[in-house]
N, C-alpha and C. Protein backbone atom coordinates (compact mmCIF):
# COMPACT_ATOMS: atom_id res chain seq x y z
N MET A 1 -7.67 -6.72 -1.47
CA MET A 1 -6.87 -5.34 -0.84
C MET A 1 -7.28 -4.47 0.16
N GLN A 2 -8.27 -5.39 1.36
CA GLN A 2 -7.99 -4.46 2.97
C GLN A 2 -7.37 -4.62 3.86
N ILE A 3 -5.79 -5.56 3.01
CA ILE A 3 -4.80 -5.45 3.80
C ILE A 3 -4.34 -3.74 3.93
N PHE A 4 -4.80 -3.23 2.89
CA PHE A 4 -4.08 -1.24 2.38
C PHE A 4 -4.89 -0.69 3.67
N SER A 5 -5.90 -1.10 3.76
CA SER A 5 -6.95 -0.61 4.97
C SER A 5 -6.38 -0.57 6.11
N ARG A 6 -6.34 -1.79 6.37
CA ARG A 6 -5.79 -2.42 7.65
C ARG A 6 -4.67 -2.28 8.42
N ARG A 7 -3.74 -1.50 7.22
CA ARG A 7 -2.26 -1.03 7.23
C ARG A 7 -2.14 0.43 7.64
N LEU A 8 -3.01 1.07 7.08
CA LEU A 8 -3.48 2.97 7.27
C LEU A 8 -4.56 2.77 8.38
N GLY A 9 -5.24 2.18 8.29
CA GLY A 9 -6.25 1.80 9.99
C GLY A 9 -7.31 3.30 8.69
N LEU A 10 -7.56 2.83 7.31
CA LEU A 10 -8.50 4.47 6.87
C LEU A 10 -8.76 3.21 5.68
N ALA A 11 -10.36 3.29 5.18
CA ALA A 11 -10.87 2.92 4.26
C ALA A 11 -10.06 3.04 2.79
N THR A 12 -9.48 2.41 1.90
CA THR A 12 -9.11 2.19 0.57
C THR A 12 -9.90 1.92 -0.52
N LEU A 13 -9.54 2.55 -1.69
CA LEU A 13 -10.48 1.74 -2.66
C LEU A 13 -9.16 1.48 -3.91
N PRO A 14 -8.55 0.66 -4.61
CA PRO A 14 -7.94 0.57 -5.94
C PRO A 14 -9.01 1.18 -6.83
N ILE A 15 -8.08 1.89 -7.78
CA ILE A 15 -7.62 2.87 -8.67
C ILE A 15 -7.18 2.37 -9.51
N GLY A 16 -6.28 1.83 -9.19
CA GLY A 16 -5.36 1.32 -10.93
C GLY A 16 -3.87 1.23 -10.13
N SER A 17 -3.11 0.51 -11.24
CA SER A 17 -2.03 0.24 -10.98
C SER A 17 -1.43 1.31 -11.65
N ALA A 18 -0.07 1.74 -10.83
CA ALA A 18 1.25 2.42 -10.91
C ALA A 18 2.27 1.94 -11.71
N PHE A 19 2.41 2.85 -13.11
CA PHE A 19 3.34 2.46 -13.92
C PHE A 19 4.15 0.68 -13.83
N SER A 20 5.57 0.92 -14.34
CA SER A 20 6.07 -0.57 -14.42
C SER A 20 6.48 -0.98 -13.08
N THR A 21 5.94 -0.48 -11.83
CA THR A 21 6.53 -0.91 -10.91
C THR A 21 5.11 -2.15 -9.81
N GLU A 22 4.01 -1.85 -10.83
CA GLU A 22 3.02 -2.64 -10.11
C GLU A 22 2.30 -2.05 -9.17
N GLU A 23 3.01 -1.09 -8.27
CA GLU A 23 2.32 -0.54 -7.25
C GLU A 23 0.93 -0.21 -7.71
N CYS A 24 0.09 -0.25 -6.65
CA CYS A 24 -1.81 -0.54 -6.40
C CYS A 24 -1.37 1.29 -6.21
N MET A 25 -2.61 1.96 -6.95
CA MET A 25 -2.94 3.50 -6.59
C MET A 25 -4.34 2.92 -6.16
N LEU A 26 -4.63 3.89 -4.67
CA LEU A 26 -5.92 3.66 -3.78
C LEU A 26 -5.83 5.45 -3.67
N LEU A 27 -7.41 5.37 -3.24
CA LEU A 27 -8.07 6.41 -3.24
C LEU A 27 -8.60 5.88 -1.87
N ALA A 28 -8.04 7.10 -1.00
CA ALA A 28 -8.49 6.83 0.81
C ALA A 28 -9.91 7.28 0.25
N ALA A 29 -10.24 7.23 1.80
CA ALA A 29 -11.97 7.58 2.17
C ALA A 29 -12.07 9.42 2.77
N ASN A 30 -10.72 9.67 3.40
CA ASN A 30 -10.74 11.03 3.06
C ASN A 30 -10.47 11.99 1.69
N GLY A 31 -9.88 11.19 0.68
CA GLY A 31 -9.83 11.83 -0.58
C GLY A 31 -8.50 11.68 -0.85
N ASP A 32 -7.86 11.11 -0.24
CA ASP A 32 -6.05 11.19 -0.64
C ASP A 32 -5.92 10.42 -1.48
N ILE A 33 -4.68 10.57 -2.56
CA ILE A 33 -4.45 9.92 -3.38
C ILE A 33 -3.29 8.98 -2.96
N LEU A 34 -2.81 7.73 -2.66
CA LEU A 34 -1.80 6.48 -2.55
C LEU A 34 -1.16 5.72 -3.16
N LEU A 35 0.41 5.58 -3.15
CA LEU A 35 0.41 4.56 -3.92
C LEU A 35 0.80 3.06 -2.62
N ALA A 36 0.39 1.71 -2.67
CA ALA A 36 0.97 1.68 -2.25
C ALA A 36 1.83 -0.07 -2.58
N GLY A 37 2.82 -0.04 -2.43
CA GLY A 37 3.37 -1.72 -2.84
C GLY A 37 3.99 -2.33 -1.57
N ASP A 38 4.68 -3.12 -2.52
CA ASP A 38 6.25 -3.89 -0.81
C ASP A 38 6.58 -3.05 -0.01
N PRO A 39 7.60 -1.91 -1.14
CA PRO A 39 8.16 -1.39 0.48
C PRO A 39 7.41 -0.33 1.44
N GLY A 40 6.21 -0.03 0.87
CA GLY A 40 5.45 0.64 1.26
C GLY A 40 4.58 1.76 1.16
N PHE A 41 4.05 2.63 1.78
CA PHE A 41 3.22 3.69 1.13
C PHE A 41 3.41 5.00 0.30
N GLN A 42 3.09 5.66 -0.60
CA GLN A 42 3.34 7.18 -0.45
C GLN A 42 2.16 7.45 -0.79
N TRP A 43 2.53 8.92 -0.38
CA TRP A 43 1.38 9.48 -0.14
C TRP A 43 1.54 10.90 -1.55
N VAL A 44 0.89 10.85 -2.42
CA VAL A 44 0.61 11.49 -3.76
C VAL A 44 0.10 12.90 -3.68
N ALA A 45 -1.39 12.81 -3.27
CA ALA A 45 -1.99 14.33 -2.77
C ALA A 45 -3.62 14.10 -2.62
N HIS A 46 -4.29 15.66 -2.52
CA HIS A 46 -5.48 15.13 -1.77
C HIS A 46 -5.98 15.51 -2.92
N GLY A 47 -6.41 14.94 -3.31
CA GLY A 47 -7.84 14.74 -4.91
C GLY A 47 -7.65 14.33 -5.69
N PHE A 48 -8.01 13.66 -6.99
CA PHE A 48 -7.60 13.42 -8.23
C PHE A 48 -7.32 14.66 -9.08
N HIS A 49 -7.79 15.50 -9.21
CA HIS A 49 -6.87 16.82 -10.19
C HIS A 49 -5.79 17.19 -9.02
N ALA A 50 -5.54 17.29 -8.06
CA ALA A 50 -4.04 17.60 -7.32
C ALA A 50 -3.44 16.15 -7.73
N ALA A 51 -3.40 14.99 -7.61
CA ALA A 51 -2.76 13.90 -7.78
C ALA A 51 -2.37 13.57 -9.24
N ALA A 52 -3.09 13.58 -10.34
CA ALA A 52 -3.60 13.70 -11.38
C ALA A 52 -1.73 14.68 -11.80
N HIS A 53 -2.14 16.14 -11.88
CA HIS A 53 -1.12 17.29 -11.55
C HIS A 53 -0.18 16.41 -11.23
N ALA A 54 0.47 16.23 -9.60
CA ALA A 54 1.05 15.58 -8.93
C ALA A 54 2.03 14.76 -9.81
N LEU A 55 1.58 14.08 -10.70
CA LEU A 55 2.17 12.56 -11.03
C LEU A 55 2.40 12.90 -12.56
N VAL A 56 2.04 13.58 -12.70
CA VAL A 56 2.60 14.10 -14.71
C VAL A 56 3.55 15.19 -13.91
N ALA A 57 3.58 16.33 -13.53
CA ALA A 57 4.13 17.31 -12.86
C ALA A 57 5.71 16.73 -12.38
N GLY A 58 5.57 15.71 -11.71
CA GLY A 58 5.76 15.17 -10.83
C GLY A 58 6.86 15.84 -9.37
N PRO A 59 5.88 16.65 -8.33
CA PRO A 59 6.24 17.67 -7.36
C PRO A 59 5.80 16.81 -6.26
N TRP A 60 5.65 15.53 -6.20
CA TRP A 60 4.85 14.73 -5.33
C TRP A 60 5.80 14.25 -4.18
N ASP A 61 6.13 13.71 -2.67
CA ASP A 61 6.64 13.74 -2.03
C ASP A 61 6.94 11.86 -2.55
N ARG A 62 8.10 11.42 -2.27
CA ARG A 62 8.23 10.25 -2.81
C ARG A 62 8.65 9.33 -1.82
N THR A 63 8.94 9.54 -0.75
CA THR A 63 9.05 8.77 1.05
C THR A 63 8.41 7.98 1.22
N PHE A 64 8.89 6.74 1.19
CA PHE A 64 8.03 5.47 1.22
C PHE A 64 7.60 5.47 3.03
N TYR A 65 6.50 5.52 3.34
CA TYR A 65 6.42 4.64 4.88
C TYR A 65 5.30 3.81 5.03
N THR A 66 6.06 2.88 6.07
CA THR A 66 5.81 1.66 5.62
C THR A 66 4.53 1.35 6.95
N ILE A 67 3.75 2.46 7.62
CA ILE A 67 2.62 1.90 8.24
C ILE A 67 3.05 1.02 9.50
N ALA A 68 4.35 0.19 9.69
CA ALA A 68 4.35 -0.60 11.23
C ALA A 68 4.32 0.17 11.94
N PRO A 69 5.35 1.14 12.09
CA PRO A 69 5.20 1.72 13.62
C PRO A 69 4.38 2.98 13.30
N ALA A 70 3.50 3.50 13.35
CA ALA A 70 2.44 4.74 14.12
C ALA A 70 3.33 5.41 13.68
N GLU A 71 4.35 5.80 13.94
CA GLU A 71 5.11 7.10 14.02
C GLU A 71 5.56 7.32 12.91
N ASP A 72 5.30 6.54 11.78
CA ASP A 72 6.42 7.02 10.88
C ASP A 72 6.21 8.27 10.16
N GLY A 73 4.65 8.66 10.01
CA GLY A 73 5.02 10.33 9.66
C GLY A 73 3.47 10.23 8.40
N LEU A 74 2.83 9.19 8.07
CA LEU A 74 2.03 9.22 6.94
C LEU A 74 0.30 9.46 7.46
N ARG A 75 0.09 8.65 8.89
CA ARG A 75 -1.34 8.97 9.07
C ARG A 75 -1.19 10.36 9.67
N GLU A 76 0.07 11.20 10.68
CA GLU A 76 -0.56 12.04 10.73
C GLU A 76 -1.08 13.29 9.17
N ARG A 77 0.16 12.69 7.81
CA ARG A 77 -0.18 13.67 6.79
C ARG A 77 -1.57 12.93 6.98
N LEU A 78 -2.20 11.91 6.90
CA LEU A 78 -3.71 12.08 6.70
C LEU A 78 -4.34 12.47 6.81
N THR A 79 -4.51 12.67 8.42
CA THR A 79 -5.18 12.97 9.32
C THR A 79 -5.28 14.81 9.32
N GLN A 80 -4.35 15.51 8.81
CA GLN A 80 -4.42 17.01 8.33
C GLN A 80 -4.92 16.84 7.12
N ALA A 81 -4.35 15.95 6.23
CA ALA A 81 -5.02 15.94 5.03
C ALA A 81 -7.36 16.42 5.00
N GLU A 82 -7.40 15.23 6.00
CA GLU A 82 -8.78 15.18 6.44
C GLU A 82 -9.24 16.45 6.90
N SER A 83 -8.54 17.42 8.38
CA SER A 83 -8.76 18.62 8.71
C SER A 83 -8.97 19.34 7.62
């Protein structure tokens, strides 16, 4: 699971698997909830309550961020959530 932390540049903890896609659900050190899988990362929400609501109600951004290039936008989103 350390691969996700290295790719994000942020400590993460696996908290489960999501749906039938077998993506890993991660809790980042800043409180963000992400899904991680073969295509990349998806930012769900900041905080458990918001993430649970987003996953059930469906209003979360389903963009896949690869993290390979640092300019893909996810790191900026994570940084904004930390402030």
